[in-house]
Amino acid sequence: MEILLKRKKFLADRTIGELTINGMFKCYTLEDTVRPEGVKIPGQTAIPAGEYTVIVTHSQAFKRRLPLLLNVPGFAGVRIHGGNTPEHTRGCILVAHHFNELTNEIYDSAADAITDILSTAATSSITIINEKEKV
């Protein structure tokens, strides 16, 4: 299963993107701030762009099955889960069905839908790209 996250809107405190699976739009994403290579502020920095294997496992923190990205340089426990603002992410990828352009928040969690789709795949990988330069 091919997951593509295109980071599209780069703000001082968050990054907004769009997630597709096998070429079909599935949801909006919210991550921490994309920082220059080698710069990391714990709990406030998006993971590096790149390609990662994704598995669905039980999350102790969320007490449920969620997608987990493997071998992310400098990060551990990176999940795909629901949330609305940068305070909810701590390095993870938040997913939701809707995006509010006025507040730059996402809402209406897509976590269950994404987890269900990825649970059916034998293997999954996510490619994360920074689609345009920071504004």
Protein backbone atom coordinates (compact mmCIF):
# COMPACT_ATOMS: atom_id res chain seq x y z
CA MET A 1 0.00 0.00 0.00
CA GLU A 2 1.47 3.34 -1.07
CA ILE A 3 0.86 6.26 1.27
CA LEU A 4 1.91 9.73 0.17
CA LEU A 5 1.95 12.73 2.50
CA LYS A 6 2.45 16.02 0.68
CA ARG A 7 3.33 18.80 3.09
CA LYS A 8 1.77 21.93 1.61
CA LYS A 9 1.52 24.71 4.18
CA PHE A 10 4.52 25.54 6.36
CA LEU A 11 3.79 27.75 9.38
CA ALA A 12 5.83 28.78 12.41
CA ASP A 13 4.09 26.29 14.72
CA ARG A 14 2.66 23.62 12.40
CA THR A 15 2.74 21.98 8.99
CA ILE A 16 -0.43 21.16 7.03
CA GLY A 17 -0.53 18.46 4.38
CA GLU A 18 -2.65 16.05 2.41
CA LEU A 19 -2.49 12.27 2.62
CA THR A 20 -3.31 9.92 -0.25
CA ILE A 21 -3.39 6.14 -0.31
CA ASN A 22 -2.78 4.44 -3.65
CA GLY A 23 -3.33 7.82 -5.34
CA MET A 24 -6.70 8.58 -3.69
CA PHE A 25 -7.10 11.57 -1.34
CA LYS A 26 -7.96 10.32 2.16
CA CYS A 27 -7.44 13.19 4.62
CA TYR A 28 -5.60 16.29 5.77
CA THR A 29 -2.60 16.12 8.06
CA LEU A 30 -1.13 18.32 10.75
CA GLU A 31 2.44 17.93 12.00
CA ASP A 32 4.90 19.91 14.03
CA THR A 33 7.08 22.52 12.33
CA VAL A 34 9.43 21.39 9.57
CA ARG A 35 12.90 22.55 10.60
CA PRO A 36 16.23 22.60 8.77
CA GLU A 37 18.08 19.30 8.62
CA GLY A 38 19.80 18.57 11.93
CA VAL A 39 17.60 20.93 13.97
CA LYS A 40 15.25 19.24 16.42
CA ILE A 41 13.22 20.70 19.24
CA PRO A 42 11.69 17.77 21.18
CA GLY A 43 7.93 17.66 20.77
CA GLN A 44 7.96 20.57 18.28
CA THR A 45 9.69 19.24 15.16
CA ALA A 46 8.21 17.29 12.24
CA ILE A 47 9.93 14.09 11.22
CA PRO A 48 12.30 14.28 8.24
CA ALA A 49 10.82 13.95 4.76
CA GLY A 50 11.53 10.52 3.32
CA GLU A 51 10.16 7.02 3.01
CA TYR A 52 9.23 4.85 5.98
CA THR A 53 7.71 1.43 6.56
CA VAL A 54 4.34 1.58 8.35
CA ILE A 55 2.88 -1.16 10.52
CA VAL A 56 -0.29 -1.22 12.61
CA THR A 57 0.33 -2.13 16.25
CA HIS A 58 -1.21 -1.60 19.65
CA SER A 59 -0.31 1.80 21.12
CA GLN A 60 0.15 1.80 24.89
CA ALA A 61 -0.38 5.57 25.00
CA PHE A 62 -3.67 5.49 23.06
CA LYS A 63 -4.82 2.04 24.23
CA ARG A 64 -5.73 0.99 20.67
CA ARG A 65 -4.25 -0.12 17.34
CA LEU A 66 -2.68 2.69 15.31
CA PRO A 67 -0.20 2.98 12.44
CA LEU A 68 3.45 3.24 13.53
CA LEU A 69 6.30 4.54 11.34
CA LEU A 70 9.51 2.52 11.61
CA ASN A 71 13.14 3.69 11.60
CA VAL A 72 12.51 7.44 11.65
CA PRO A 73 15.93 9.07 12.25
CA GLY A 74 16.05 10.82 15.63
CA PHE A 75 12.46 9.88 16.54
CA ALA A 76 10.72 6.97 18.25
CA GLY A 77 7.07 6.00 18.53
CA VAL A 78 5.87 8.10 15.57
CA ARG A 79 2.17 7.27 15.11
CA ILE A 80 -0.60 8.34 12.77
CA HIS A 81 -3.52 9.40 14.97
CA GLY A 82 -6.29 11.94 15.49
CA GLY A 83 -5.87 15.47 16.82
CA ASN A 84 -6.49 19.08 15.85
CA THR A 85 -3.59 21.33 16.84
CA PRO A 86 0.21 21.18 17.30
CA GLU A 87 -0.32 20.48 21.01
CA HIS A 88 -1.73 17.06 20.02
CA THR A 89 1.13 15.88 17.81
CA ARG A 90 4.52 15.68 19.61
CA GLY A 91 6.21 14.49 16.40
CA CYS A 92 3.35 12.30 15.19
CA ILE A 93 1.17 12.76 12.11
CA LEU A 94 -2.36 13.91 12.90
CA VAL A 95 -5.09 12.99 10.41
CA ALA A 96 -8.57 14.45 9.91
CA HIS A 97 -11.28 14.71 7.28
CA HIS A 98 -11.52 18.52 7.33
CA PHE A 99 -9.20 21.54 7.33
CA ASN A 100 -10.11 25.04 8.55
CA GLU A 101 -8.07 27.57 6.55
CA LEU A 102 -8.85 30.40 9.00
CA THR A 103 -7.48 28.65 12.08
CA ASN A 104 -5.08 26.24 10.32
CA GLU A 105 -6.57 23.38 12.31
CA ILE A 106 -7.82 20.01 11.18
CA TYR A 107 -10.90 18.35 12.61
CA ASP A 108 -13.10 15.23 12.39
CA SER A 109 -10.49 12.53 13.01
CA ALA A 110 -9.63 10.17 10.17
CA ALA A 111 -7.55 7.90 12.43
CA ASP A 112 -10.04 5.02 12.46
CA ALA A 113 -10.47 5.11 8.68
CA ILE A 114 -6.71 5.22 8.03
CA THR A 115 -6.01 2.47 10.58
CA ASP A 116 -8.71 0.25 9.02
CA ILE A 117 -7.26 0.71 5.52
CA LEU A 118 -3.68 0.04 6.61
CA SER A 119 -4.70 -2.99 8.70
CA THR A 120 -5.72 -4.80 5.51
CA ALA A 121 -2.34 -4.38 3.79
CA ALA A 122 0.42 -6.95 3.95
CA THR A 123 2.98 -4.15 3.72
CA SER A 124 2.72 -0.37 3.71
CA SER A 125 5.14 2.47 3.23
CA ILE A 126 4.71 6.21 3.52
CA THR A 127 6.57 8.77 1.46
CA ILE A 128 6.66 12.26 2.94
CA ILE A 129 7.56 15.17 0.69
CA ASN A 130 7.82 18.90 1.28
CA GLU A 131 5.80 20.10 -1.70
CA LYS A 132 6.70 23.77 -1.58
CA GLU A 133 9.01 26.11 0.19
CA LYS A 134 8.17 27.55 3.60
CA VAL A 135 6.22 30.81 3.63
